[in-house]
Amino acid sequence: MANLFKIALRNLLRYKRRTLLTASLVTLGVVFVLLFVSVTGSFKSLMIGQMTDSMLGHLQVHRKGYLASIDNLPLNLNLTVQAYKKLETILNQQTEIEAFSPRIKFGGMFSTFVETTNIRLNGVYPDRELRTVPLLPSRVSNGGERPLEKGEIWIPELMAKSMKVTIGDTVVIIATNKDGSVNGRQFTVAGVLESVTGPGGRDGYIHIEDAMEVLRMEEMEVSEVAIRIKDFNGLHAFSSRLDAILSGEINKQGNPLFEVHTWEKLSPFYNIARMIDVMAFFIKLMLIAVVLISIMNVMVMAVYERIREIGTMAAIGTLPGRILSIFLVEGFSLGALGVIAGNILGMIAIVILNLSRVTFTFGRQSDLVLSAKVAPMDMLVVSLIVVLIAVVASLQPAFKASRMEPIKALRHV
């Protein structure tokens, strides 16, 4: 095998310019793919982080059937206090969980005594909510420097601007509880909440005990439980395991009591994340096409220019398999050379990009710093793809060379 690599290297050096151009083309392809994968991966991670760490949590648990009706925020599909206690006991036993936060979600009317509009409210324990979604305070443009207290409310920015509400103003929340009766309560505006996804959004926050009072709940009924886990990379494995554990909990009708959903099923931005993955896939396909065409062209020319040399090798008894191996090793060496150079230059380019501190805006979050990085597995996959395609591209010319008749090859001019 060592001799084959010596022969391949010698043959590649015989045509230095062509070898350099082809290797450079492969190198550029690898560099741009690594840059694209690292940049889009960084943007995707930041985007997911903004969604999960400032609003959704990594996954959520609801009563079975709640999510299908979540637009209406149905109070009759909340978890009862007994069901929540069962769930809380199970969640406390899971070592993968960093924090979890129960929420009461409901719709109501928001009044400034002059104007009235509708609002969606989240009743939460502020300390538990901030441990579960630690970026939530960054969304509070005013008043986010201290936790939400009882009797206070964080209102959406759009509502604050349209209704000219400022910090310290007194407002009224009116809501209809589960049995149809109406109740209201005054709150003090303690913060203005920016939306994650843009200027829209009508979600506000109050203390969970205030939510129980507005809805006249004698016992706490939970709409959802948001969960943050320690290792985000293990989200799907943990979600499947938790779902299997909770499937054992059934209601009086014998149906599952809980349902588990990751952030992917809770946010439309999952489709954007998938589009990023699709674009990365097609960029890799373009790299495959570049490597395939360039190396196949080089190897076809190599076979054509060395027909008499191939005939001589065959005439002195070199086996067809040996001739085939020589050209395959040449293609492999050419691909490996491009991969090594591409990985080195790609990592240098990523370091330079990070030192440049490129910033961008996502939703209402500005000055987010792009931190490009490529996972070793992604680099390994790209490298293996390039080398494999280089060998595949060499296969047809190598097979043609190994099948040549010595006499015809020696007569070639």
Protein backbone atom coordinates (compact mmCIF):
# COMPACT_ATOMS: atom_id res chain seq x y z
CA MET A 1 0.00 0.00 0.00
CA ALA A 2 2.87 2.40 0.78
CA ASN A 3 4.27 1.85 -2.72
CA LEU A 4 0.87 2.67 -4.22
CA PHE A 5 0.85 6.02 -2.42
CA LYS A 6 4.41 6.75 -3.59
CA ILE A 7 3.42 6.02 -7.19
CA ALA A 8 0.23 8.11 -6.84
CA LEU A 9 2.14 11.05 -5.36
CA ARG A 10 4.78 10.84 -8.11
CA ASN A 11 2.09 10.81 -10.82
CA LEU A 12 0.28 13.79 -9.25
CA LEU A 13 3.52 15.76 -9.12
CA ARG A 14 4.14 15.08 -12.82
CA TYR A 15 1.25 17.44 -13.59
CA LYS A 16 1.76 20.02 -10.86
CA ARG A 17 -0.35 22.78 -12.34
CA ARG A 18 -3.36 20.56 -12.98
CA THR A 19 -3.04 18.90 -9.57
CA LEU A 20 -2.77 22.30 -7.86
CA LEU A 21 -5.82 23.71 -9.68
CA THR A 22 -7.95 20.67 -8.91
CA ALA A 23 -6.86 20.49 -5.28
CA SER A 24 -7.50 24.24 -4.95
CA LEU A 25 -11.03 23.82 -6.29
CA VAL A 26 -11.73 21.04 -3.79
CA THR A 27 -10.14 23.13 -1.01
CA LEU A 28 -12.33 26.15 -1.78
CA GLY A 29 -15.40 23.93 -1.80
CA VAL A 30 -14.55 22.52 1.62
CA VAL A 31 -13.79 25.99 3.03
CA PHE A 32 -17.09 27.48 1.87
CA VAL A 33 -19.09 24.49 3.09
CA LEU A 34 -17.46 24.70 6.53
CA LEU A 35 -18.09 28.45 6.67
CA PHE A 36 -21.73 28.01 5.64
CA VAL A 37 -22.33 25.18 8.10
CA SER A 38 -20.66 27.08 10.96
CA VAL A 39 -22.44 30.39 10.31
CA THR A 40 -25.90 28.90 9.74
CA GLY A 41 -25.40 26.57 12.69
CA SER A 42 -24.53 29.54 14.90
CA PHE A 43 -27.57 31.50 13.72
CA LYS A 44 -29.80 28.47 14.21
CA SER A 45 -28.49 27.94 17.76
CA LEU A 46 -29.01 31.61 18.64
CA MET A 47 -32.50 31.56 17.16
CA ILE A 48 -33.46 28.43 19.08
CA GLY A 49 -31.90 29.85 22.23
CA GLN A 50 -33.93 33.04 21.95
CA MET A 51 -37.15 31.05 21.53
CA THR A 52 -36.55 28.49 24.28
CA ASP A 53 -34.68 30.61 26.83
CA SER A 54 -36.92 33.66 26.72
CA MET A 55 -40.38 32.20 26.23
CA LEU A 56 -41.06 28.51 25.61
CA GLY A 57 -38.62 26.44 27.63
CA HIS A 58 -37.05 23.34 26.10
CA LEU A 59 -40.24 21.31 26.35
CA GLN A 60 -43.67 21.54 27.89
CA VAL A 61 -46.18 19.20 29.50
CA HIS A 62 -49.93 19.74 29.11
CA ARG A 63 -53.08 17.90 29.86
CA LYS A 64 -53.95 15.60 26.97
CA GLY A 65 -55.82 17.59 24.32
CA TYR A 66 -54.86 21.04 25.61
CA LEU A 67 -52.42 21.90 22.83
CA ALA A 68 -55.02 21.28 20.11
CA SER A 69 -57.16 24.01 21.69
CA ILE A 70 -54.39 26.29 22.94
CA ASP A 71 -55.51 29.24 20.79
CA ASN A 72 -58.65 29.44 22.94
CA LEU A 73 -56.72 28.98 26.23
CA PRO A 74 -59.39 26.61 27.58
CA LEU A 75 -59.63 26.65 31.36
CA ASN A 76 -61.53 23.34 31.39
CA LEU A 77 -58.42 21.56 30.04
CA ASN A 78 -56.08 22.68 32.80
CA LEU A 79 -54.29 20.14 34.98
CA THR A 80 -56.04 19.69 38.33
CA VAL A 81 -54.05 20.13 41.51
CA GLN A 82 -53.90 16.33 41.97
CA ALA A 83 -52.62 15.83 38.41
CA TYR A 84 -50.05 18.60 38.83
CA LYS A 85 -48.77 17.09 42.09
CA LYS A 86 -48.28 13.74 40.31
CA LEU A 87 -46.41 15.50 37.52
CA GLU A 88 -44.32 17.54 39.96
CA THR A 89 -43.26 14.38 41.80
CA ILE A 90 -42.18 12.73 38.54
CA LEU A 91 -40.29 15.80 37.31
CA ASN A 92 -38.43 16.17 40.62
CA GLN A 93 -37.09 12.65 40.13
CA GLN A 94 -35.57 13.40 36.70
CA THR A 95 -31.90 14.31 37.08
CA GLU A 96 -31.76 15.72 33.54
CA ILE A 97 -34.08 18.61 34.48
CA GLU A 98 -32.49 21.89 35.51
CA ALA A 99 -35.73 23.74 36.28
CA PHE A 100 -39.46 23.68 35.56
CA SER A 101 -42.20 26.25 35.93
CA PRO A 102 -45.99 25.80 36.17
CA ARG A 103 -48.08 28.34 34.28
CA ILE A 104 -51.72 29.37 34.23
CA LYS A 105 -52.60 30.76 30.80
CA PHE A 106 -55.83 32.62 30.20
CA GLY A 107 -57.37 35.35 28.11
CA GLY A 108 -58.87 38.49 29.51
CA MET A 109 -59.65 42.15 28.99
CA PHE A 110 -57.05 44.84 29.68
CA SER A 111 -58.43 48.24 30.66
CA THR A 112 -56.81 51.58 31.40
CA PHE A 113 -60.18 53.05 32.50
CA VAL A 114 -60.15 54.90 29.15
CA GLU A 115 -59.53 52.12 26.64
CA THR A 116 -60.05 48.37 26.73
CA THR A 117 -58.53 45.58 24.66
CA ASN A 118 -57.92 41.85 24.92
CA ILE A 119 -54.77 40.33 26.38
CA ARG A 120 -53.27 36.86 26.92
CA LEU A 121 -51.82 36.36 30.37
CA ASN A 122 -49.34 33.94 31.92
CA GLY A 123 -49.60 33.40 35.65
CA VAL A 124 -46.17 32.25 36.89
CA TYR A 125 -43.97 31.90 39.93
CA PRO A 126 -41.38 34.56 38.95
CA ASP A 127 -38.35 32.82 40.49
CA ARG A 128 -39.16 29.46 38.89
CA GLU A 129 -40.01 31.07 35.56
CA LEU A 130 -36.69 32.91 35.41
CA ARG A 131 -34.77 29.69 36.10
CA THR A 132 -36.68 27.96 33.31
CA VAL A 133 -36.46 30.79 30.75
CA PRO A 134 -33.41 32.81 31.89
CA LEU A 135 -33.54 35.27 28.98
CA LEU A 136 -37.02 36.50 29.91
CA PRO A 137 -35.69 39.57 31.83
CA SER A 138 -33.84 40.68 28.67
CA ARG A 139 -37.23 41.10 27.00
CA VAL A 140 -38.44 43.50 29.69
CA SER A 141 -37.36 46.88 28.34
CA ASN A 142 -38.44 48.64 31.54
CA GLY A 143 -38.69 47.06 34.94
CA GLY A 144 -36.78 43.88 34.18
CA GLU A 145 -34.10 44.62 36.74
CA ARG A 146 -36.23 43.11 39.55
CA PRO A 147 -38.58 40.10 39.77
CA LEU A 148 -42.30 40.44 39.22
CA GLU A 149 -44.19 40.95 42.50
CA LYS A 150 -47.78 40.21 43.46
CA GLY A 151 -50.14 42.89 42.21
CA GLU A 152 -47.80 43.76 39.33
CA ILE A 153 -48.05 43.03 35.62
CA TRP A 154 -45.70 42.98 32.65
CA ILE A 155 -47.57 44.06 29.53
CA PRO A 156 -46.69 43.68 25.82
CA GLU A 157 -44.85 46.59 24.24
CA LEU A 158 -47.40 46.92 21.43
CA MET A 159 -50.19 47.37 23.97
CA ALA A 160 -48.18 49.85 26.04
CA LYS A 161 -47.54 52.05 23.00
CA SER A 162 -51.02 51.88 21.51
CA MET A 163 -52.74 52.59 24.82
CA LYS A 164 -50.08 55.00 26.13
CA VAL A 165 -49.41 52.99 29.29
CA THR A 166 -46.21 53.63 31.25
CA ILE A 167 -44.46 52.06 34.21
CA GLY A 168 -46.39 52.68 37.44
CA ASP A 169 -49.80 53.10 35.80
CA THR A 170 -52.78 51.29 37.29
CA VAL A 171 -54.74 48.99 34.99
CA VAL A 172 -57.56 46.48 35.37
CA ILE A 173 -57.62 42.86 34.24
CA ILE A 174 -61.04 41.31 33.72
CA ALA A 175 -61.43 37.59 33.05
CA THR A 176 -64.12 34.95 32.86
CA ASN A 177 -63.46 31.90 34.97
CA LYS A 178 -64.30 28.27 34.24
CA ASP A 179 -67.91 28.46 35.48
CA GLY A 180 -68.66 31.60 33.44
CA SER A 181 -68.55 34.25 36.16
CA VAL A 182 -66.59 37.45 35.57
CA ASN A 183 -64.01 38.90 37.92
CA GLY A 184 -61.60 41.81 37.78
CA ARG A 185 -58.59 43.12 39.63
CA GLN A 186 -56.32 46.15 39.56
CA PHE A 187 -52.62 45.77 38.74
CA THR A 188 -49.64 48.09 38.64
CA VAL A 189 -47.63 48.06 35.42
CA ALA A 190 -44.11 46.99 36.42
CA GLY A 191 -42.57 46.25 33.04
CA VAL A 192 -42.98 46.50 29.27
CA LEU A 193 -42.36 43.23 27.49
CA GLU A 194 -40.75 43.06 24.04
CA SER A 195 -41.89 40.29 21.73
CA VAL A 196 -39.33 37.69 20.66
CA THR A 197 -40.55 37.51 17.08
CA GLY A 198 -41.37 41.11 16.25
CA PRO A 199 -43.66 44.01 17.13
CA GLY A 200 -46.72 41.74 17.49
CA GLY A 201 -47.61 39.69 20.52
CA ARG A 202 -50.21 40.18 23.23
CA ASP A 203 -48.80 38.04 26.05
CA GLY A 204 -48.37 39.54 29.51
CA TYR A 205 -47.16 38.13 32.84
CA ILE A 206 -48.60 38.25 36.36
CA HIS A 207 -47.90 36.30 39.54
CA ILE A 208 -49.56 32.88 39.58
CA GLU A 209 -51.38 33.64 42.83
CA ASP A 210 -52.85 36.77 41.23
CA ALA A 211 -53.99 34.61 38.29
CA MET A 212 -55.73 32.24 40.72
CA GLU A 213 -57.47 35.19 42.36
CA VAL A 214 -58.64 36.68 39.06
CA LEU A 215 -59.94 33.28 37.92
CA ARG A 216 -61.38 32.53 41.40
CA MET A 217 -59.52 29.24 41.66
CA GLU A 218 -59.84 27.61 45.06
CA GLU A 219 -56.98 25.25 44.12
CA MET A 220 -54.28 25.85 41.53
CA GLU A 221 -55.06 24.44 38.09
CA VAL A 222 -52.07 24.47 35.76
CA SER A 223 -52.30 25.08 32.01
CA GLU A 224 -48.77 23.93 31.21
CA VAL A 225 -45.43 23.15 32.77
CA ALA A 226 -42.38 24.53 30.98
CA ILE A 227 -39.18 22.52 31.46
CA ARG A 228 -35.52 23.37 31.02
CA ILE A 229 -33.03 20.51 30.83
CA LYS A 230 -29.31 20.56 31.58
CA ASP A 231 -28.14 19.21 28.20
CA PHE A 232 -30.07 20.59 25.23
CA ASN A 233 -28.42 18.05 22.91
CA GLY A 234 -30.22 15.30 24.80
CA LEU A 235 -33.63 16.92 24.36
CA HIS A 236 -35.21 14.32 22.10
CA ALA A 237 -33.94 11.36 24.11
CA PHE A 238 -35.22 12.90 27.35
CA SER A 239 -38.54 13.90 25.77
CA SER A 240 -39.15 10.33 24.58
CA ARG A 241 -38.24 8.91 27.99
CA LEU A 242 -40.44 11.42 29.84
CA ASP A 243 -43.31 10.71 27.45
CA ALA A 244 -42.94 6.98 28.17
CA ILE A 245 -42.98 7.63 31.93
CA LEU A 246 -46.04 9.91 31.77
CA SER A 247 -47.93 7.55 29.47
CA GLY A 248 -48.44 5.36 32.53
CA GLU A 249 -50.58 8.08 34.12
CA ILE A 250 -54.20 7.73 32.96
CA ASN A 251 -57.46 9.47 33.78
CA LYS A 252 -60.75 7.93 34.94
CA GLN A 253 -61.67 7.10 31.36
CA GLY A 254 -58.45 5.13 30.87
CA ASN A 255 -56.90 7.72 28.53
CA PRO A 256 -53.43 9.27 28.92
CA LEU A 257 -53.47 12.19 31.31
CA PHE A 258 -50.43 14.11 30.01
CA GLU A 259 -48.85 15.02 26.69
CA VAL A 260 -45.24 16.10 26.15
CA HIS A 261 -44.12 18.51 23.41
CA THR A 262 -40.66 19.81 22.60
CA TRP A 263 -40.17 23.42 21.50
CA GLU A 264 -40.20 22.21 17.88
CA LYS A 265 -43.92 21.45 18.08
CA LEU A 266 -44.68 24.68 19.92
CA SER A 267 -43.02 27.25 17.66
CA PRO A 268 -43.41 28.01 13.93
CA PHE A 269 -39.72 28.93 13.90
CA TYR A 270 -38.93 25.24 13.82
CA ASN A 271 -39.76 25.41 10.10
CA ILE A 272 -37.04 28.05 9.66
CA ALA A 273 -34.59 25.80 11.50
CA ARG A 274 -35.50 22.97 9.14
CA MET A 275 -35.00 25.25 6.14
CA ILE A 276 -31.48 26.01 7.39
CA ASP A 277 -30.78 22.27 7.53
CA VAL A 278 -32.18 21.83 4.01
CA MET A 279 -29.97 24.64 2.68
CA ALA A 280 -26.93 23.07 4.34
CA PHE A 281 -27.81 19.76 2.68
CA PHE A 282 -27.99 21.34 -0.78
CA ILE A 283 -24.72 23.19 -0.22
CA LYS A 284 -23.13 19.82 0.52
CA LEU A 285 -24.67 18.46 -2.70
CA MET A 286 -23.03 21.31 -4.61
CA LEU A 287 -19.70 20.40 -3.02
CA ILE A 288 -20.20 16.79 -4.10
CA ALA A 289 -20.89 17.91 -7.67
CA VAL A 290 -17.77 20.12 -7.74
CA VAL A 291 -15.53 17.35 -6.41
CA LEU A 292 -17.07 14.70 -8.67
CA ILE A 293 -16.72 16.69 -11.88
CA SER A 294 -13.27 18.13 -11.18
CA ILE A 295 -11.63 14.89 -10.06
CA MET A 296 -13.30 12.79 -12.73
CA ASN A 297 -12.03 15.22 -15.34
CA VAL A 298 -8.49 15.01 -13.94
CA MET A 299 -8.52 11.21 -13.80
CA VAL A 300 -9.94 10.85 -17.31
CA MET A 301 -7.14 13.07 -18.61
CA ALA A 302 -4.60 11.10 -16.57
CA VAL A 303 -5.74 7.83 -18.11
CA TYR A 304 -5.79 9.29 -21.64
CA GLU A 305 -2.30 10.76 -21.34
CA ARG A 306 -0.80 7.57 -19.89
CA ILE A 307 -2.29 4.95 -22.16
CA ARG A 308 1.12 3.72 -23.34
CA GLU A 309 2.39 3.69 -19.75
CA ILE A 310 -0.64 1.61 -18.76
CA GLY A 311 0.02 -0.73 -21.68
CA THR A 312 3.62 -1.15 -20.55
CA MET A 313 2.55 -2.01 -17.00
CA ALA A 314 0.07 -4.55 -18.32
CA ALA A 315 2.64 -6.03 -20.72
CA ILE A 316 5.14 -6.73 -17.94
CA GLY A 317 2.51 -8.61 -15.96
CA THR A 318 0.92 -5.97 -13.71
CA LEU A 319 -2.49 -7.30 -12.70
CA PRO A 320 -5.60 -5.31 -13.67
CA GLY A 321 -6.49 -4.94 -9.99
CA ARG A 322 -3.11 -3.32 -9.35
CA ILE A 323 -3.60 -0.83 -12.17
CA LEU A 324 -7.10 -0.10 -10.85
CA SER A 325 -5.68 0.53 -7.36
CA ILE A 326 -3.04 2.96 -8.67
CA PHE A 327 -5.64 5.29 -10.18
CA LEU A 328 -8.02 4.95 -7.22
CA VAL A 329 -5.22 5.89 -4.83
CA GLU A 330 -4.43 8.92 -7.03
CA GLY A 331 -8.04 10.08 -6.78
CA PHE A 332 -8.06 9.41 -3.04
CA SER A 333 -4.82 11.37 -2.59
CA LEU A 334 -6.16 14.30 -4.59
CA GLY A 335 -9.36 14.40 -2.49
CA ALA A 336 -7.42 13.99 0.78
CA LEU A 337 -5.08 16.83 -0.17
CA GLY A 338 -8.06 19.13 -0.79
CA VAL A 339 -9.72 18.04 2.46
CA ILE A 340 -6.64 18.66 4.61
CA ALA A 341 -6.01 22.08 3.08
CA GLY A 342 -9.73 22.93 3.19
CA ASN A 343 -10.09 22.02 6.87
CA ILE A 344 -7.04 24.07 7.84
CA LEU A 345 -8.08 27.13 5.83
CA GLY A 346 -11.71 26.71 6.92
CA MET A 347 -10.78 26.78 10.60
CA ILE A 348 -8.59 29.84 10.03
CA ALA A 349 -11.48 31.58 8.25
CA ILE A 350 -13.86 30.73 11.13
CA VAL A 351 -11.40 32.13 13.70
CA ILE A 352 -11.06 35.35 11.66
CA LEU A 353 -14.86 35.58 11.38
CA ASN A 354 -15.26 35.24 15.15
CA LEU A 355 -12.58 37.85 15.81
CA SER A 356 -14.50 40.24 13.53
CA ARG A 357 -17.50 40.01 15.93
CA VAL A 358 -20.24 40.14 13.33
CA THR A 359 -23.57 41.21 14.87
CA PHE A 360 -27.13 40.76 13.66
CA THR A 361 -30.72 41.27 14.79
CA PHE A 362 -33.28 38.55 15.41
CA GLY A 363 -36.82 39.69 16.16
CA ARG A 364 -36.49 42.40 18.78
CA GLN A 365 -33.08 41.22 19.94
CA SER A 366 -30.30 43.35 18.47
CA ASP A 367 -26.50 43.21 18.61
CA LEU A 368 -26.48 39.43 18.83
CA VAL A 369 -22.87 38.36 18.19
CA LEU A 370 -22.36 35.64 15.60
CA SER A 371 -20.21 32.91 17.13
CA ALA A 372 -19.36 30.65 14.21
CA LYS A 373 -18.21 27.17 15.11
CA VAL A 374 -18.27 23.83 13.39
CA ALA A 375 -18.78 20.57 15.23
CA PRO A 376 -16.04 17.95 14.79
CA MET A 377 -18.71 15.56 13.50
CA ASP A 378 -19.73 18.02 10.76
CA MET A 379 -16.09 18.43 9.74
CA LEU A 380 -15.63 14.67 9.69
CA VAL A 381 -18.78 14.17 7.60
CA VAL A 382 -17.71 16.80 5.04
CA SER A 383 -14.21 15.28 4.85
CA LEU A 384 -15.53 11.75 4.38
CA ILE A 385 -17.98 12.92 1.70
CA VAL A 386 -15.20 14.63 -0.27
CA VAL A 387 -12.79 11.70 -0.04
CA LEU A 388 -15.50 9.16 -0.89
CA ILE A 389 -16.67 11.16 -3.91
CA ALA A 390 -13.06 11.56 -5.03
CA VAL A 391 -12.65 7.77 -5.02
CA VAL A 392 -16.02 7.28 -6.77
CA ALA A 393 -15.05 9.85 -9.41
CA SER A 394 -11.81 7.93 -10.02
CA LEU A 395 -13.57 4.58 -10.34
CA GLN A 396 -14.70 4.80 -13.96
CA PRO A 397 -11.35 6.05 -15.38
CA ALA A 398 -9.47 3.53 -13.20
CA PHE A 399 -11.69 0.69 -14.38
CA LYS A 400 -11.14 1.75 -17.98
CA ALA A 401 -7.37 1.77 -17.46
CA SER A 402 -7.38 -1.70 -15.89
CA ARG A 403 -9.33 -3.17 -18.83
CA MET A 404 -7.00 -1.94 -21.58
CA GLU A 405 -5.43 -4.47 -23.93
CA PRO A 406 -1.62 -4.17 -23.69
CA ILE A 407 -1.05 -4.39 -27.45
CA LYS A 408 -3.63 -1.69 -28.30
CA ALA A 409 -2.33 0.53 -25.50
CA LEU A 410 1.29 0.24 -26.69
CA ARG A 411 0.23 1.21 -30.24
CA HIS A 412 -1.50 4.35 -28.97
CA VAL A 413 0.07 7.56 -30.22
